[in-house]
PDB file of N, CA and C in Angstrom:
ATOM      1  N   THR A   1       7.040  47.285   9.997  1.00  0.00           N
ATOM      2  CA  THR A   1       6.580  47.335  11.425  1.00  0.00           C
ATOM      3  C   THR A   1       6.784  48.691  11.915  1.00  0.00           C
ATOM      4  N   ILE A   2       5.698  49.164  12.489  1.00  0.00           N
ATOM      5  CA  ILE A   2       5.655  50.582  12.987  1.00  0.00           C
ATOM      6  C   ILE A   2       5.134  50.411  14.401  1.00  0.00           C
ATOM      7  N   LEU A   3       5.843  51.036  15.433  1.00  0.00           N
ATOM      8  CA  LEU A   3       5.427  51.136  16.732  1.00  0.00           C
ATOM      9  C   LEU A   3       5.289  52.475  17.170  1.00  0.00           C
ATOM     10  N   GLN A   4       4.297  52.847  17.826  1.00  0.00           N
ATOM     11  CA  GLN A   4       4.099  54.118  18.264  1.00  0.00           C
ATOM     12  C   GLN A   4       4.122  54.182  19.785  1.00  0.00           C
ATOM     13  N   TYR A   5       4.770  55.101  20.398  1.00  0.00           N
ATOM     14  CA  TYR A   5       5.004  55.127  21.829  1.00  0.00           C
ATOM     15  C   TYR A   5       4.759  56.537  22.341  1.00  0.00           C
ATOM     16  N   THR A   6       4.040  56.632  23.426  1.00  0.00           N
ATOM     17  CA  THR A   6       3.719  57.906  24.092  1.00  0.00           C
ATOM     18  C   THR A   6       4.495  57.804  25.497  1.00  0.00           C
ATOM     19  N   ASP A   7       5.362  58.786  25.604  1.00  0.00           N
ATOM     20  CA  ASP A   7       5.985  58.831  27.055  1.00  0.00           C
ATOM     21  C   ASP A   7       5.197  59.587  27.987  1.00  0.00           C
ATOM     22  N   ALA A   8       5.661  59.807  29.198  1.00  0.00           N
ATOM     23  CA  ALA A   8       4.990  60.605  30.328  1.00  0.00           C
ATOM     24  C   ALA A   8       4.658  61.962  29.804  1.00  0.00           C
ATOM     25  N   GLY A   9       5.516  62.587  28.973  1.00  0.00           N
ATOM     26  CA  GLY A   9       5.240  63.946  28.559  1.00  0.00           C
ATOM     27  C   GLY A   9       4.381  64.096  27.369  1.00  0.00           C
ATOM     28  N   ASP A  10       3.664  62.929  27.025  1.00  0.00           N
ATOM     29  CA  ASP A  10       2.697  63.028  25.862  1.00  0.00           C
ATOM     30  C   ASP A  10       3.371  63.380  24.515  1.00  0.00           C
ATOM     31  N   THR A  11       4.617  62.984  24.408  1.00  0.00           N
ATOM     32  CA  THR A  11       5.443  63.197  23.148  1.00  0.00           C
ATOM     33  C   THR A  11       5.414  61.925  22.406  1.00  0.00           C
ATOM     34  N   ASP A  12       4.799  61.969  21.216  1.00  0.00           N
ATOM     35  CA  ASP A  12       4.682  60.793  20.397  1.00  0.00           C
ATOM     36  C   ASP A  12       5.823  60.646  19.530  1.00  0.00           C
ATOM     37  N   PHE A  13       6.382  59.456  19.377  1.00  0.00           N
ATOM     38  CA  PHE A  13       7.446  59.170  18.326  1.00  0.00           C
ATOM     39  C   PHE A  13       7.204  57.792  17.783  1.00  0.00           C
ATOM     40  N   VAL A  14       7.559  57.581  16.495  1.00  0.00           N
ATOM     41  CA  VAL A  14       7.371  56.380  15.839  1.00  0.00           C
ATOM     42  C   VAL A  14       8.670  55.655  15.579  1.00  0.00           C
ATOM     43  N   LEU A  15       8.726  54.427  15.870  1.00  0.00           N
ATOM     44  CA  LEU A  15       9.798  53.504  15.590  1.00  0.00           C
ATOM     45  C   LEU A  15       9.417  52.592  14.306  1.00  0.00           C
ATOM     46  N   GLU A  16      10.138  52.930  13.273  1.00  0.00           N
ATOM     47  CA  GLU A  16       9.914  52.155  12.089  1.00  0.00           C
ATOM     48  C   GLU A  16      11.108  51.288  11.738  1.00  0.00           C
ATOM     49  N   ALA A  17      10.938  50.060  11.280  1.00  0.00           N
ATOM     50  CA  ALA A  17      11.993  49.145  11.018  1.00  0.00           C
ATOM     51  C   ALA A  17      12.638  49.797   9.739  1.00  0.00           C
ATOM     52  N   THR A  18      14.023  49.589   9.713  1.00  0.00           N
ATOM     53  CA  THR A  18      14.877  50.027   8.675  1.00  0.00           C
ATOM     54  C   THR A  18      14.339  49.410   7.201  1.00  0.00           C
ATOM     55  N   VAL A  19      14.219  50.143   6.236  1.00  0.00           N
ATOM     56  CA  VAL A  19      13.771  49.598   4.982  1.00  0.00           C
ATOM     57  C   VAL A  19      14.794  48.550   4.491  1.00  0.00           C
ATOM     58  N   GLY A  20      14.333  47.427   3.966  1.00  0.00           N
ATOM     59  CA  GLY A  20      15.162  46.288   3.558  1.00  0.00           C
ATOM     60  C   GLY A  20      15.726  45.436   4.620  1.00  0.00           C
ATOM     61  N   VAL A  21      15.339  45.661   5.899  1.00  0.00           N
ATOM     62  CA  VAL A  21      15.821  44.850   7.040  1.00  0.00           C
ATOM     63  C   VAL A  21      14.741  43.774   7.397  1.00  0.00           C
ATOM     64  N   TYR A  22      15.007  42.520   7.531  1.00  0.00           N
ATOM     65  CA  TYR A  22      14.131  41.611   7.903  1.00  0.00           C
ATOM     66  C   TYR A  22      14.111  41.460   9.336  1.00  0.00           C
ATOM     67  N   LEU A  23      12.960  41.676  10.088  1.00  0.00           N
ATOM     68  CA  LEU A  23      12.910  41.481  11.469  1.00  0.00           C
ATOM     69  C   LEU A  23      12.316  40.145  11.830  1.00  0.00           C
ATOM     70  N   VAL A  24      13.103  39.378  12.490  1.00  0.00           N
ATOM     71  CA  VAL A  24      12.678  38.084  12.937  1.00  0.00           C
ATOM     72  C   VAL A  24      11.956  38.068  14.281  1.00  0.00           C
ATOM     73  N   GLN A  25      10.733  37.692  14.309  1.00  0.00           N
ATOM     74  CA  GLN A  25       9.827  37.639  15.383  1.00  0.00           C
ATOM     75  C   GLN A  25      10.394  36.404  16.263  1.00  0.00           C
ATOM     76  N   ILE A  26      10.234  36.487  17.566  1.00  0.00           N
ATOM     77  CA  ILE A  26      10.510  35.458  18.487  1.00  0.00           C
ATOM     78  C   ILE A  26      10.174  34.046  18.080  1.00  0.00           C
ATOM     79  N   TRP A  27       8.842  33.835  17.769  1.00  0.00           N
ATOM     80  CA  TRP A  27       8.370  32.485  17.459  1.00  0.00           C
ATOM     81  C   TRP A  27       9.077  31.912  16.020  1.00  0.00           C
ATOM     82  N   VAL A  28       9.230  33.001  15.173  1.00  0.00           N
ATOM     83  CA  VAL A  28       9.984  32.546  13.969  1.00  0.00           C
ATOM     84  C   VAL A  28      11.332  32.248  14.121  1.00  0.00           C
ATOM     85  N   GLY A  29      11.952  32.894  15.002  1.00  0.00           N
ATOM     86  CA  GLY A  29      13.393  32.647  15.358  1.00  0.00           C
ATOM     87  C   GLY A  29      13.476  31.240  15.992  1.00  0.00           C
ATOM     88  N   MET A  30      12.674  30.903  16.770  1.00  0.00           N
ATOM     89  CA  MET A  30      12.594  29.464  17.489  1.00  0.00           C
ATOM     90  C   MET A  30      12.399  28.494  16.388  1.00  0.00           C
ATOM     91  N   GLU A  31      11.604  28.729  15.427  1.00  0.00           N
ATOM     92  CA  GLU A  31      11.389  27.753  14.265  1.00  0.00           C
ATOM     93  C   GLU A  31      12.560  27.735  13.358  1.00  0.00           C
ATOM     94  N   LEU A  32      13.220  28.868  13.120  1.00  0.00           N
ATOM     95  CA  LEU A  32      14.489  28.948  12.356  1.00  0.00           C
ATOM     96  C   LEU A  32      15.691  28.079  13.065  1.00  0.00           C
ATOM     97  N   ASN A  33      15.740  28.355  14.432  1.00  0.00           N
ATOM     98  CA  ASN A  33      16.803  27.612  15.150  1.00  0.00           C
ATOM     99  C   ASN A  33      16.607  26.074  15.078  1.00  0.00           C
ATOM    100  N   TRP A  34      15.293  25.570  15.260  1.00  0.00           N
ATOM    101  CA  TRP A  34      15.078  24.216  15.091  1.00  0.00           C
ATOM    102  C   TRP A  34      15.412  23.688  13.635  1.00  0.00           C
ATOM    103  N   LEU A  35      15.049  24.460  12.726  1.00  0.00           N
ATOM    104  CA  LEU A  35      15.340  24.059  11.301  1.00  0.00           C
ATOM    105  C   LEU A  35      16.840  24.036  11.046  1.00  0.00           C
ATOM    106  N   PHE A  36      17.663  25.035  11.493  1.00  0.00           N
ATOM    107  CA  PHE A  36      18.960  25.024  11.302  1.00  0.00           C
ATOM    108  C   PHE A  36      19.763  23.859  12.086  1.00  0.00           C
ATOM    109  N   SER A  37      19.190  23.595  13.274  1.00  0.00           N
ATOM    110  CA  SER A  37      19.856  22.456  14.005  1.00  0.00           C
ATOM    111  C   SER A  37      19.636  21.141  13.295  1.00  0.00           C
ATOM    112  N   GLN A  38      18.492  20.977  12.617  1.00  0.00           N
ATOM    113  CA  GLN A  38      18.261  19.707  11.849  1.00  0.00           C
ATOM    114  C   GLN A  38      19.156  19.779  10.657  1.00  0.00           C
ATOM    115  N   TRP A  39      19.264  20.932   9.964  1.00  0.00           N
ATOM    116  CA  TRP A  39      20.185  20.981   8.962  1.00  0.00           C
ATOM    117  C   TRP A  39      21.566  20.757   9.316  1.00  0.00           C
ATOM    118  N   ARG A  40      22.180  21.166  10.335  1.00  0.00           N
ATOM    119  CA  ARG A  40      23.494  20.981  10.921  1.00  0.00           C
ATOM    120  C   ARG A  40      23.624  19.553  11.105  1.00  0.00           C
ATOM    121  N   ALA A  41      22.665  18.758  11.643  1.00  0.00           N
ATOM    122  CA  ALA A  41      22.699  17.394  12.110  1.00  0.00           C
ATOM    123  C   ALA A  41      22.932  16.547  10.822  1.00  0.00           C
ATOM    124  N   VAL A  42      22.119  16.808   9.815  1.00  0.00           N
ATOM    125  CA  VAL A  42      22.103  16.049   8.545  1.00  0.00           C
ATOM    126  C   VAL A  42      23.395  16.336   7.789  1.00  0.00           C
ATOM    127  N   SER A  43      23.757  17.626   7.745  1.00  0.00           N
ATOM    128  CA  SER A  43      25.051  17.970   7.078  1.00  0.00           C
ATOM    129  C   SER A  43      26.194  17.335   7.730  1.00  0.00           C
ATOM    130  N   THR A  44      26.273  17.288   9.057  1.00  0.00           N
ATOM    131  CA  THR A  44      27.422  16.639   9.825  1.00  0.00           C
ATOM    132  C   THR A  44      27.423  15.143   9.567  1.00  0.00           C
ATOM    133  N   GLN A  45      26.241  14.547   9.413  1.00  0.00           N
ATOM    134  CA  GLN A  45      26.093  13.037   9.223  1.00  0.00           C
ATOM    135  C   GLN A  45      26.634  12.815   7.822  1.00  0.00           C
ATOM    136  N   TYR A  46      26.554  13.692   6.841  1.00  0.00           N
ATOM    137  CA  TYR A  46      27.122  13.462   5.536  1.00  0.00           C
ATOM    138  C   TYR A  46      28.501  14.069   5.301  1.00  0.00           C
ATOM    139  N   GLY A  47      29.218  14.399   6.438  1.00  0.00           N
ATOM    140  CA  GLY A  47      30.556  14.801   6.356  1.00  0.00           C
ATOM    141  C   GLY A  47      30.868  16.301   6.043  1.00  0.00           C
ATOM    142  N   PHE A  48      29.875  17.088   6.045  1.00  0.00           N
ATOM    143  CA  PHE A  48      30.089  18.629   5.846  1.00  0.00           C
ATOM    144  C   PHE A  48      30.460  19.137   7.161  1.00  0.00           C
ATOM    145  N   SER A  49      31.227  20.288   7.060  1.00  0.00           N
ATOM    146  CA  SER A  49      31.779  21.054   8.183  1.00  0.00           C
ATOM    147  C   SER A  49      31.196  22.503   8.139  1.00  0.00           C
ATOM    148  N   GLU A  50      30.718  23.042   9.217  1.00  0.00           N
ATOM    149  CA  GLU A  50      30.275  24.392   9.348  1.00  0.00           C
ATOM    150  C   GLU A  50      31.398  25.355   9.422  1.00  0.00           C
ATOM    151  N   TYR A  51      31.195  26.496   8.813  1.00  0.00           N
ATOM    152  CA  TYR A  51      32.189  27.584   8.888  1.00  0.00           C
ATOM    153  C   TYR A  51      31.477  28.924   9.064  1.00  0.00           C
ATOM    154  N   ASP A  52      32.145  29.900   9.470  1.00  0.00           N
ATOM    155  CA  ASP A  52      31.699  31.295   9.598  1.00  0.00           C
ATOM    156  C   ASP A  52      32.649  32.237   9.070  1.00  0.00           C
ATOM    157  N   ALA A  53      32.162  33.446   8.765  1.00  0.00           N
ATOM    158  CA  ALA A  53      32.994  34.335   8.158  1.00  0.00           C
ATOM    159  C   ALA A  53      32.759  35.793   8.581  1.00  0.00           C
ATOM    160  N   PRO A  54      33.642  36.721   8.471  1.00  0.00           N
ATOM    161  CA  PRO A  54      33.405  38.112   8.955  1.00  0.00           C
ATOM    162  C   PRO A  54      32.243  38.776   8.193  1.00  0.00           C
ATOM    163  N   VAL A  55      31.480  39.537   8.764  1.00  0.00           N
ATOM    164  CA  VAL A  55      30.438  40.373   8.198  1.00  0.00           C
ATOM    165  C   VAL A  55      31.064  41.434   7.263  1.00  0.00           C
ATOM    166  N   LEU A  56      32.240  42.030   7.561  1.00  0.00           N
ATOM    167  CA  LEU A  56      32.960  43.124   6.855  1.00  0.00           C
ATOM    168  C   LEU A  56      33.996  42.400   6.028  1.00  0.00           C
ATOM    169  N   GLU A  57      34.059  42.949   4.797  1.00  0.00           N
ATOM    170  CA  GLU A  57      35.087  42.514   3.848  1.00  0.00           C
ATOM    171  C   GLU A  57      35.701  43.655   3.197  1.00  0.00           C
ATOM    172  N   ASN A  58      36.867  43.521   2.627  1.00  0.00           N
ATOM    173  CA  ASN A  58      37.635  44.445   1.818  1.00  0.00           C
ATOM    174  C   ASN A  58      36.768  44.752   0.522  1.00  0.00           C
ATOM    175  N   GLU A  59      36.423  45.908   0.252  1.00  0.00           N
ATOM    176  CA  GLU A  59      35.735  46.152  -0.998  1.00  0.00           C
ATOM    177  C   GLU A  59      36.252  45.525  -2.302  1.00  0.00           C
ATOM    178  N   ASP A  60      37.659  45.615  -2.331  1.00  0.00           N
ATOM    179  CA  ASP A  60      38.356  45.188  -3.506  1.00  0.00           C
ATOM    180  C   ASP A  60      37.949  43.688  -3.827  1.00  0.00           C
ATOM    181  N   LEU A  61      37.723  42.821  -2.816  1.00  0.00           N
ATOM    182  CA  LEU A  61      37.410  41.504  -3.014  1.00  0.00           C
ATOM    183  C   LEU A  61      36.237  41.254  -3.894  1.00  0.00           C
ATOM    184  N   TYR A  62      35.156  42.215  -3.823  1.00  0.00           N
ATOM    185  CA  TYR A  62      34.006  42.073  -4.632  1.00  0.00           C
ATOM    186  C   TYR A  62      34.158  42.965  -6.013  1.00  0.00           C
ATOM    187  N   LYS A  63      34.990  43.899  -5.884  1.00  0.00           N
ATOM    188  CA  LYS A  63      35.212  44.652  -7.136  1.00  0.00           C
ATOM    189  C   LYS A  63      35.830  43.752  -8.244  1.00  0.00           C
ATOM    190  N   ARG A  64      36.820  42.946  -7.811  1.00  0.00           N
ATOM    191  CA  ARG A  64      37.580  42.056  -8.606  1.00  0.00           C
ATOM    192  C   ARG A  64      36.597  40.963  -9.265  1.00  0.00           C
ATOM    193  N   LYS A  65      35.601  40.492  -8.447  1.00  0.00           N
ATOM    194  CA  LYS A  65      34.717  39.368  -8.825  1.00  0.00           C
ATOM    195  C   LYS A  65      33.704  39.890  -9.872  1.00  0.00           C
ATOM    196  N   ALA A  66      33.053  41.033  -9.530  1.00  0.00           N
ATOM    197  CA  ALA A  66      31.887  41.420 -10.323  1.00  0.00           C
ATOM    198  C   ALA A  66      31.949  42.725 -10.940  1.00  0.00           C
ATOM    199  N   GLY A  67      33.062  43.586 -10.534  1.00  0.00           N
ATOM    200  CA  GLY A  67      33.213  44.895 -11.314  1.00  0.00           C
ATOM    201  C   GLY A  67      32.519  45.992 -10.445  1.00  0.00           C
ATOM    202  N   GLU A  68      32.747  47.104 -10.914  1.00  0.00           N
ATOM    203  CA  GLU A  68      32.370  48.377 -10.245  1.00  0.00           C
ATOM    204  C   GLU A  68      30.836  48.568  -9.998  1.00  0.00           C
ATOM    205  N   GLU A  69      30.003  47.899 -10.887  1.00  0.00           N
ATOM    206  CA  GLU A  69      28.569  48.059 -10.787  1.00  0.00           C
ATOM    207  C   GLU A  69      28.037  47.304  -9.605  1.00  0.00           C
ATOM    208  N   ILE A  70      28.705  46.224  -9.175  1.00  0.00           N
ATOM    209  CA  ILE A  70      28.111  45.658  -7.864  1.00  0.00           C
ATOM    210  C   ILE A  70      28.422  46.432  -6.623  1.00  0.00           C
ATOM    211  N   VAL A  71      29.513  47.296  -6.642  1.00  0.00           N
ATOM    212  CA  VAL A  71      29.916  48.084  -5.574  1.00  0.00           C
ATOM    213  C   VAL A  71      28.934  49.166  -5.312  1.00  0.00           C
ATOM    214  N   GLU A  72      28.275  49.619  -6.370  1.00  0.00           N
ATOM    215  CA  GLU A  72      27.206  50.654  -6.300  1.00  0.00           C
ATOM    216  C   GLU A  72      25.940  50.049  -5.487  1.00  0.00           C
ATOM    217  N   GLN A  73      25.848  48.719  -5.391  1.00  0.00           N
ATOM    218  CA  GLN A  73      24.613  48.131  -4.774  1.00  0.00           C
ATOM    219  C   GLN A  73      24.899  47.682  -3.423  1.00  0.00           C
ATOM    220  N   MET A  74      26.288  47.822  -2.977  1.00  0.00           N
ATOM    221  CA  MET A  74      26.568  47.128  -1.618  1.00  0.00           C
ATOM    222  C   MET A  74      26.614  48.368  -0.679  1.00  0.00           C
ATOM    223  N   TYR A  75      26.688  47.976   0.533  1.00  0.00           N
ATOM    224  CA  TYR A  75      26.829  48.950   1.612  1.00  0.00           C
ATOM    225  C   TYR A  75      28.287  49.170   1.872  1.00  0.00           C
ATOM    226  N   ASN A  76      28.880  50.225   1.470  1.00  0.00           N
ATOM    227  CA  ASN A  76      30.309  50.479   1.438  1.00  0.00           C
ATOM    228  C   ASN A  76      30.623  51.549   2.394  1.00  0.00           C
ATOM    229  N   PHE A  77      31.741  51.549   3.024  1.00  0.00           N
ATOM    230  CA  PHE A  77      32.137  52.782   3.930  1.00  0.00           C
ATOM    231  C   PHE A  77      33.623  52.769   4.036  1.00  0.00           C
ATOM    232  N   VAL A  78      34.228  53.865   4.420  1.00  0.00           N
ATOM    233  CA  VAL A  78      35.667  53.880   4.778  1.00  0.00           C
ATOM    234  C   VAL A  78      35.806  53.736   6.208  1.00  0.00           C
ATOM    235  N   ASP A  79      36.616  52.862   6.722  1.00  0.00           N
ATOM    236  CA  ASP A  79      36.812  52.690   8.168  1.00  0.00           C
ATOM    237  C   ASP A  79      37.677  53.738   8.694  1.00  0.00           C
ATOM    238  N   ARG A  80      37.948  53.690  10.107  1.00  0.00           N
ATOM    239  CA  ARG A  80      38.871  54.635  10.638  1.00  0.00           C
ATOM    240  C   ARG A  80      40.192  54.676  10.302  1.00  0.00           C
ATOM    241  N   GLU A  81      40.718  53.622   9.592  1.00  0.00           N
ATOM    242  CA  GLU A  81      42.121  53.436   9.058  1.00  0.00           C
ATOM    243  C   GLU A  81      42.043  53.759   7.580  1.00  0.00           C
ATOM    244  N   ASP A  82      40.986  54.362   7.008  1.00  0.00           N
ATOM    245  CA  ASP A  82      40.893  54.596   5.576  1.00  0.00           C
ATOM    246  C   ASP A  82      40.974  53.340   4.678  1.00  0.00           C
ATOM    247  N   HIS A  83      40.457  52.300   5.206  1.00  0.00           N
ATOM    248  CA  HIS A  83      40.270  51.085   4.324  1.00  0.00           C
ATOM    249  C   HIS A  83      38.781  51.206   3.786  1.00  0.00           C
ATOM    250  N   ARG A  84      38.664  50.803   2.539  1.00  0.00           N
ATOM    251  CA  ARG A  84      37.327  50.699   1.982  1.00  0.00           C
ATOM    252  C   ARG A  84      36.777  49.244   2.204  1.00  0.00           C
ATOM    253  N   VAL A  85      35.744  49.195   3.038  1.00  0.00           N
ATOM    254  CA  VAL A  85      35.191  48.061   3.433  1.00  0.00           C
ATOM    255  C   VAL A  85      33.647  47.905   2.951  1.00  0.00           C
ATOM    256  N   THR A  86      33.024  46.728   3.093  1.00  0.00           N
ATOM    257  CA  THR A  86      31.754  46.599   2.664  1.00  0.00           C
ATOM    258  C   THR A  86      31.044  45.516   3.496  1.00  0.00           C
ATOM    259  N   LEU A  87      29.816  45.579   3.787  1.00  0.00           N
ATOM    260  CA  LEU A  87      29.052  44.443   4.391  1.00  0.00           C
ATOM    261  C   LEU A  87      28.911  43.381   3.428  1.00  0.00           C
ATOM    262  N   ARG A  88      29.296  42.128   3.736  1.00  0.00           N
ATOM    263  CA  ARG A  88      29.404  41.015   2.918  1.00  0.00           C
ATOM    264  C   ARG A  88      28.060  40.729   2.161  1.00  0.00           C
ATOM    265  N   PRO A  89      28.002  41.010   0.809  1.00  0.00           N
ATOM    266  CA  PRO A  89      26.736  40.741   0.120  1.00  0.00           C
ATOM    267  C   PRO A  89      26.497  39.276  -0.229  1.00  0.00           C
ATOM    268  N   GLU A  90      27.432  38.490  -0.233  1.00  0.00           N
ATOM    269  CA  GLU A  90      27.362  36.995  -0.547  1.00  0.00           C
ATOM    270  C   GLU A  90      28.560  36.361  -0.020  1.00  0.00           C
ATOM    271  N   MET A  91      28.549  35.062  -0.023  1.00  0.00           N
ATOM    272  CA  MET A  91      29.628  34.155   0.649  1.00  0.00           C
ATOM    273  C   MET A  91      30.764  33.734  -0.345  1.00  0.00           C
ATOM    274  N   THR A  92      30.469  33.605  -1.677  1.00  0.00           N
ATOM    275  CA  THR A  92      31.344  32.894  -2.561  1.00  0.00           C
ATOM    276  C   THR A  92      32.743  33.564  -2.417  1.00  0.00           C
ATOM    277  N   PRO A  93      33.037  34.812  -2.629  1.00  0.00           N
ATOM    278  CA  PRO A  93      34.350  35.326  -2.567  1.00  0.00           C
ATOM    279  C   PRO A  93      34.978  35.225  -1.242  1.00  0.00           C
ATOM    280  N   THR A  94      34.243  35.313  -0.159  1.00  0.00           N
ATOM    281  CA  THR A  94      34.792  35.160   1.105  1.00  0.00           C
ATOM    282  C   THR A  94      35.230  33.757   1.415  1.00  0.00           C
ATOM    283  N   LEU A  95      34.355  32.755   0.994  1.00  0.00           N
ATOM    284  CA  LEU A  95      34.791  31.424   1.077  1.00  0.00           C
ATOM    285  C   LEU A  95      36.018  31.131   0.303  1.00  0.00           C
ATOM    286  N   ALA A  96      36.162  31.605  -0.863  1.00  0.00           N
ATOM    287  CA  ALA A  96      37.319  31.345  -1.779  1.00  0.00           C
ATOM    288  C   ALA A  96      38.499  31.973  -1.037  1.00  0.00           C
ATOM    289  N   ARG A  97      38.432  33.162  -0.470  1.00  0.00           N
ATOM    290  CA  ARG A  97      39.645  33.719   0.320  1.00  0.00           C
ATOM    291  C   ARG A  97      40.031  32.836   1.527  1.00  0.00           C
ATOM    292  N   MET A  98      38.943  32.370   2.190  1.00  0.00           N
ATOM    293  CA  MET A  98      39.268  31.538   3.374  1.00  0.00           C
ATOM    294  C   MET A  98      40.001  30.235   3.010  1.00  0.00           C
ATOM    295  N   VAL A  99      39.511  29.549   1.856  1.00  0.00           N
ATOM    296  CA  VAL A  99      39.997  28.273   1.463  1.00  0.00           C
ATOM    297  C   VAL A  99      41.417  28.651   0.939  1.00  0.00           C
ATOM    298  N   LEU A 100      41.725  29.636   0.224  1.00  0.00           N
ATOM    299  CA  LEU A 100      43.056  30.075  -0.244  1.00  0.00           C
ATOM    300  C   LEU A 100      44.099  30.316   0.835  1.00  0.00           C
ATOM    301  N   SER A 101      43.533  30.940   1.914  1.00  0.00           N
ATOM    302  CA  SER A 101      44.215  31.182   3.069  1.00  0.00           C
ATOM    303  C   SER A 101      44.782  29.946   3.788  1.00  0.00           C
ATOM    304  N   ARG A 102      43.864  28.998   3.799  1.00  0.00           N
ATOM    305  CA  ARG A 102      44.159  27.677   4.482  1.00  0.00           C
ATOM    306  C   ARG A 102      45.181  26.923   3.694  1.00  0.00           C
ATOM    307  N   VAL A 103      44.993  26.859   2.397  1.00  0.00           N
ATOM    308  CA  VAL A 103      45.889  26.289   1.499  1.00  0.00           C
ATOM    309  C   VAL A 103      47.383  26.813   1.671  1.00  0.00           C
ATOM    310  N   ARG A 104      47.446  28.074   1.619  1.00  0.00           N
ATOM    311  CA  ARG A 104      48.684  28.835   1.865  1.00  0.00           C
ATOM    312  C   ARG A 104      49.415  28.373   3.231  1.00  0.00           C
ATOM    313  N   MET A 105      48.542  28.438   4.266  1.00  0.00           N
ATOM    314  CA  MET A 105      49.077  28.044   5.527  1.00  0.00           C
ATOM    315  C   MET A 105      49.633  26.598   5.695  1.00  0.00           C
ATOM    316  N   SER A 106      48.888  25.709   4.906  1.00  0.00           N
ATOM    317  CA  SER A 106      49.322  24.326   4.855  1.00  0.00           C
ATOM    318  C   SER A 106      50.566  24.209   4.126  1.00  0.00           C
ATOM    319  N   ALA A 107      50.730  24.932   3.003  1.00  0.00           N
ATOM    320  CA  ALA A 107      51.919  24.868   2.177  1.00  0.00           C
ATOM    321  C   ALA A 107      53.076  25.363   2.811  1.00  0.00           C
ATOM    322  N   GLU A 108      52.898  26.235   3.774  1.00  0.00           N
ATOM    323  CA  GLU A 108      54.059  26.932   4.497  1.00  0.00           C
ATOM    324  C   GLU A 108      54.341  26.122   5.674  1.00  0.00           C
ATOM    325  N   GLY A 109      53.664  24.986   5.846  1.00  0.00           N
ATOM    326  CA  GLY A 109      53.910  24.065   7.024  1.00  0.00           C
ATOM    327  C   GLY A 109      53.415  24.537   8.359  1.00  0.00           C
ATOM    328  N   SER A 110      52.450  25.413   8.326  1.00  0.00           N
ATOM    329  CA  SER A 110      51.846  25.851   9.578  1.00  0.00           C
ATOM    330  C   SER A 110      51.244  24.668  10.324  1.00  0.00           C
ATOM    331  N   HIS A 111      51.481  24.657  11.608  1.00  0.00           N
ATOM    332  CA  HIS A 111      50.783  23.580  12.406  1.00  0.00           C
ATOM    333  C   HIS A 111      49.348  23.856  12.763  1.00  0.00           C
ATOM    334  N   ASN A 112      49.053  25.156  12.611  1.00  0.00           N
ATOM    335  CA  ASN A 112      47.739  25.686  12.855  1.00  0.00           C
ATOM    336  C   ASN A 112      46.998  26.195  11.678  1.00  0.00           C
ATOM    337  N   ALA A 113      46.474  25.242  10.832  1.00  0.00           N
ATOM    338  CA  ALA A 113      46.048  25.542   9.592  1.00  0.00           C
ATOM    339  C   ALA A 113      44.550  25.988   9.531  1.00  0.00           C
ATOM    340  N   THR A 114      43.986  26.066  10.898  1.00  0.00           N
ATOM    341  CA  THR A 114      42.596  26.363  11.014  1.00  0.00           C
ATOM    342  C   THR A 114      42.633  27.687  11.755  1.00  0.00           C
ATOM    343  N   ALA A 115      41.878  28.669  11.139  1.00  0.00           N
ATOM    344  CA  ALA A 115      41.796  29.956  11.821  1.00  0.00           C
ATOM    345  C   ALA A 115      40.432  30.215  12.380  1.00  0.00           C
ATOM    346  N   GLN A 116      40.402  30.903  13.468  1.00  0.00           N
ATOM    347  CA  GLN A 116      39.101  31.287  14.014  1.00  0.00           C
ATOM    348  C   GLN A 116      38.438  32.317  13.243  1.00  0.00           C
ATOM    349  N   MET A 117      37.083  32.061  12.793  1.00  0.00           N
ATOM    350  CA  MET A 117      36.363  32.935  11.968  1.00  0.00           C
ATOM    351  C   MET A 117      35.153  33.250  12.564  1.00  0.00           C
ATOM    352  N   ALA A 118      34.993  34.566  13.149  1.00  0.00           N
ATOM    353  CA  ALA A 118      33.780  35.021  13.889  1.00  0.00           C
ATOM    354  C   ALA A 118      33.476  36.481  13.417  1.00  0.00           C
ATOM    355  N   GLU A 119      32.296  36.716  13.587  1.00  0.00           N
ATOM    356  CA  GLU A 119      31.862  38.059  13.394  1.00  0.00           C
ATOM    357  C   GLU A 119      32.462  38.926  14.371  1.00  0.00           C
ATOM    358  N   ALA A 120      33.179  40.109  14.022  1.00  0.00           N
ATOM    359  CA  ALA A 120      33.636  41.138  15.015  1.00  0.00           C
ATOM    360  C   ALA A 120      33.572  42.340  14.212  1.00  0.00           C
ATOM    361  N   LEU A 121      32.816  43.326  14.700  1.00  0.00           N
ATOM    362  CA  LEU A 121      32.702  44.614  14.034  1.00  0.00           C
ATOM    363  C   LEU A 121      33.522  45.717  14.820  1.00  0.00           C
ATOM    364  N   GLU A 122      34.247  45.431  15.776  1.00  0.00           N
ATOM    365  CA  GLU A 122      35.009  46.493  16.439  1.00  0.00           C
ATOM    366  C   GLU A 122      36.494  46.342  16.243  1.00  0.00           C
ATOM    367  N   TYR A 123      37.236  47.367  16.441  1.00  0.00           N
ATOM    368  CA  TYR A 123      38.612  47.477  16.263  1.00  0.00           C
ATOM    369  C   TYR A 123      39.248  47.120  17.714  1.00  0.00           C
ATOM    370  N   THR A 124      40.216  46.337  17.650  1.00  0.00           N
ATOM    371  CA  THR A 124      40.905  45.830  18.905  1.00  0.00           C
ATOM    372  C   THR A 124      42.337  46.399  18.962  1.00  0.00           C
TER     373      THR A 124
END
């Protein structure tokens, strides 16, 4: 997608979508929302539960699973506290970590074995 804009000073600049990023148009987004709501309804009917996970993960979580070669294909960076983090490339290791965390909390007798899992990309 390329948009060209001319401001009042007749300066042209071009806005291009980032390579590899999928832009969801409004009408497609509406269709996706409908589809996902149907999916949720059927999944709930058959006893499945929805979950969410952070977009950022520790890079080591993926190094251990697939090795150094996958790290070269991921979006990695060092955060402000010098932790090596990555944008989550897939859900399997993240889900395994979440399940293990819940099992540990249950084994320790925690009364709150469910953690809030939401996307948050800022430091608090």
